[in-house]
Protein backbone atom coordinates (compact mmCIF):
# COMPACT_ATOMS: atom_id res chain seq x y z
CA UNK A 1 -11.01 27.95 -15.54
CA UNK A 2 -13.19 25.05 -14.41
CA UNK A 3 -10.95 22.65 -16.32
CA UNK A 4 -7.85 24.02 -14.54
CA UNK A 5 -9.62 23.53 -11.21
CA UNK A 6 -10.57 19.95 -12.11
CA UNK A 7 -7.01 19.23 -13.24
CA UNK A 8 -5.56 20.66 -10.02
CA UNK A 9 -7.99 18.60 -7.95
CA UNK A 10 -7.17 15.43 -9.92
CA UNK A 11 -3.44 16.07 -9.59
CA UNK A 12 -3.74 16.55 -5.82
CA UNK A 13 -5.88 13.42 -5.45
CA UNK A 14 -3.41 11.25 -7.33
CA UNK A 15 -0.44 12.73 -5.42
CA UNK A 16 -2.11 11.69 -2.14
CA UNK A 17 -2.78 8.26 -3.62
CA UNK A 18 0.86 7.73 -4.64
CA UNK A 19 2.03 8.70 -1.16
CA UNK A 20 -0.37 6.20 0.42
CA UNK A 21 0.79 3.50 -2.00
CA UNK A 22 4.49 4.06 -1.30
CA UNK A 23 3.72 4.11 2.43
CA UNK A 24 1.92 0.77 1.90
CA UNK A 25 -1.06 2.12 3.82
CA UNK A 26 -3.50 -0.38 2.32
CA UNK A 27 -6.59 0.99 4.07
CA UNK A 28 -5.86 4.49 2.82
CA UNK A 29 -5.07 3.14 -0.67
CA UNK A 30 -8.50 1.45 -0.73
CA UNK A 31 -10.20 4.76 0.11
CA UNK A 32 -9.12 6.23 -3.24
CA UNK A 33 -11.36 3.80 -5.15
CA UNK A 34 -15.10 3.25 -5.45
CA UNK A 35 -16.99 0.02 -6.16
CA UNK A 36 -16.78 0.51 -9.95
CA UNK A 37 -13.16 1.75 -10.05
CA UNK A 38 -10.79 -0.34 -12.17
CA UNK A 39 -7.08 -1.05 -12.18
CA UNK A 40 -5.04 -2.99 -14.71
CA UNK A 41 -1.50 -3.45 -15.91
CA UNK A 42 -1.68 -3.07 -19.67
CA UNK A 43 1.04 -5.70 -20.14
CA UNK A 44 -1.19 -8.44 -18.71
CA UNK A 45 -4.16 -10.14 -20.38
CA UNK A 46 -7.03 -7.79 -21.21
CA UNK A 47 -9.41 -9.57 -18.84
CA UNK A 48 -7.06 -9.13 -15.85
CA UNK A 49 -8.83 -6.10 -14.38
CA UNK A 50 -9.32 -5.48 -10.68
CA UNK A 51 -12.66 -3.81 -9.89
CA UNK A 52 -13.38 -2.01 -6.63
CA UNK A 53 -11.17 -1.23 -3.65
CA UNK A 54 -10.86 -4.79 -2.32
CA UNK A 55 -9.72 -6.28 -5.62
CA UNK A 56 -7.41 -3.36 -6.38
CA UNK A 57 -5.69 -3.61 -3.01
CA UNK A 58 -5.46 -7.41 -3.29
CA UNK A 59 -3.77 -7.05 -6.68
CA UNK A 60 -1.31 -4.44 -5.38
CA UNK A 61 -0.48 -6.40 -2.25
CA UNK A 62 0.24 -9.56 -4.24
CA UNK A 63 3.24 -8.01 -5.95
CA UNK A 64 4.32 -5.33 -3.51
CA UNK A 65 3.97 -6.90 -0.09
CA UNK A 66 6.72 -9.52 -0.58
CA UNK A 67 9.33 -6.99 -1.77
CA UNK A 68 11.59 -5.59 0.92
CA UNK A 69 11.32 -2.04 -0.36
CA UNK A 70 10.94 0.22 -3.30
CA UNK A 71 11.98 3.68 -4.30
CA UNK A 72 9.88 6.02 -6.40
CA UNK A 73 11.21 8.64 -8.78
CA UNK A 74 8.66 11.02 -10.23
CA UNK A 75 9.60 12.19 -13.71
CA UNK A 76 6.55 14.06 -15.01
CA UNK A 77 2.89 14.67 -14.20
CA UNK A 78 0.40 15.95 -16.73
CA UNK A 79 -3.17 16.70 -15.72
CA UNK A 80 -6.02 17.66 -18.00
CA UNK A 81 -9.55 17.95 -16.77
CA UNK A 82 -10.02 14.85 -14.55
CA UNK A 83 -7.22 12.72 -16.05
CA UNK A 84 -3.68 12.52 -14.67
CA UNK A 85 -0.75 10.93 -16.49
CA UNK A 86 2.29 10.17 -14.35
CA UNK A 87 5.66 9.12 -15.74
CA UNK A 88 7.76 7.56 -13.01
CA UNK A 89 10.19 4.81 -12.14
CA UNK A 90 10.03 2.36 -9.30
CA UNK A 91 13.13 0.54 -8.10
CA UNK A 92 12.06 -2.69 -6.46
CA UNK A 93 14.27 -4.51 -3.95
CA UNK A 94 13.82 -8.09 -2.82
CA UNK A 95 15.14 -9.42 0.48
CA UNK A 96 17.27 -11.94 -1.41
CA UNK A 97 19.34 -9.14 -3.01
CA UNK A 98 17.74 -8.70 -6.44
CA UNK A 99 16.54 -5.32 -7.65
CA UNK A 100 15.03 -3.84 -10.79
CA UNK A 101 14.25 -0.37 -12.13
CA UNK A 102 10.76 -0.33 -13.66
CA UNK A 103 9.74 2.62 -15.84
CA UNK A 104 5.98 3.29 -15.71
CA UNK A 105 3.41 5.52 -17.30
CA UNK A 106 0.24 5.57 -15.21
CA UNK A 107 -3.05 6.96 -16.46
CA UNK A 108 -5.65 7.73 -13.81
CA UNK A 109 -9.12 9.10 -14.39
CA UNK A 110 -10.87 10.69 -11.43
CA UNK A 111 -14.33 11.90 -10.55
CA UNK A 112 -13.16 14.60 -8.17
CA UNK A 113 -13.22 12.34 -5.13
CA UNK A 114 -11.88 8.97 -6.26
CA UNK A 115 -9.80 7.31 -8.93
CA UNK A 116 -12.28 5.69 -11.33
CA UNK A 117 -9.83 4.10 -13.78
CA UNK A 118 -6.14 3.35 -13.42
CA UNK A 119 -4.05 1.80 -16.18
CA UNK A 120 -0.33 1.15 -15.80
CA UNK A 121 1.94 0.84 -18.83
CA UNK A 122 5.26 -0.92 -18.25
CA UNK A 123 7.39 -3.78 -19.57
CA UNK A 124 6.66 -7.17 -18.02
CA UNK A 125 9.91 -8.68 -19.36
CA UNK A 126 11.98 -6.10 -17.45
CA UNK A 127 10.37 -7.25 -14.22
CA UNK A 128 10.44 -10.98 -14.94
CA UNK A 129 14.08 -10.80 -16.03
CA UNK A 130 15.16 -9.42 -12.65
CA UNK A 131 12.70 -10.91 -10.14
CA UNK A 132 13.69 -13.91 -8.03
CA UNK A 133 12.01 -17.22 -8.82
CA UNK A 134 10.27 -17.38 -5.42
CA UNK A 135 8.55 -14.03 -6.10
CA UNK A 136 7.44 -15.10 -9.58
CA UNK A 137 6.02 -18.31 -8.06
CA UNK A 138 4.19 -16.16 -5.50
CA UNK A 139 2.55 -13.84 -8.03
CA UNK A 140 1.59 -16.72 -10.30
CA UNK A 141 -0.92 -17.73 -7.61
CA UNK A 142 -2.79 -14.58 -8.64
CA UNK A 143 -4.48 -11.75 -6.82
CA UNK A 144 -7.94 -13.35 -7.08
CA UNK A 145 -6.99 -16.08 -4.60
CA UNK A 146 -6.27 -15.71 -0.93
CA UNK A 147 -2.62 -15.17 -1.95
CA UNK A 148 -1.28 -17.63 0.60
CA UNK A 149 1.92 -19.08 -0.75
CA UNK A 150 5.35 -19.71 0.60
CA UNK A 151 7.60 -16.75 -0.10
CA UNK A 152 10.62 -17.95 1.86
CA UNK A 153 13.77 -18.05 -0.20
């Protein structure tokens, strides 16, 4: 029974996180992570890991802030003990008219209060094949800089 309780708690925590992310409430998003929490996209180099709330939010903002909107479709959620696996799609829209449907599998480990590890599995070529050149130039600056680049099309 304790495992079911932990799984329910983890599922609820990650559901609140996803809502904050899709609302682009960056302060609330940061609150879901501790100083040792990690986030990475598995399709990027293995050393490209954001650690702690500030780095995680910086990484998310780099790619998401310049898009004009995105839609989320939840397909499946599986929770076991303190780990939650979410299968979902995000449809990204850019202000210059481009859009892309990105299928994701997200694995999040929790400690009951925060997300301690988050790994996203998706296809980089799907995104790069649809994204406008100005957005690709913007993300190439990287999340570990101040992120200031010209995103005007």
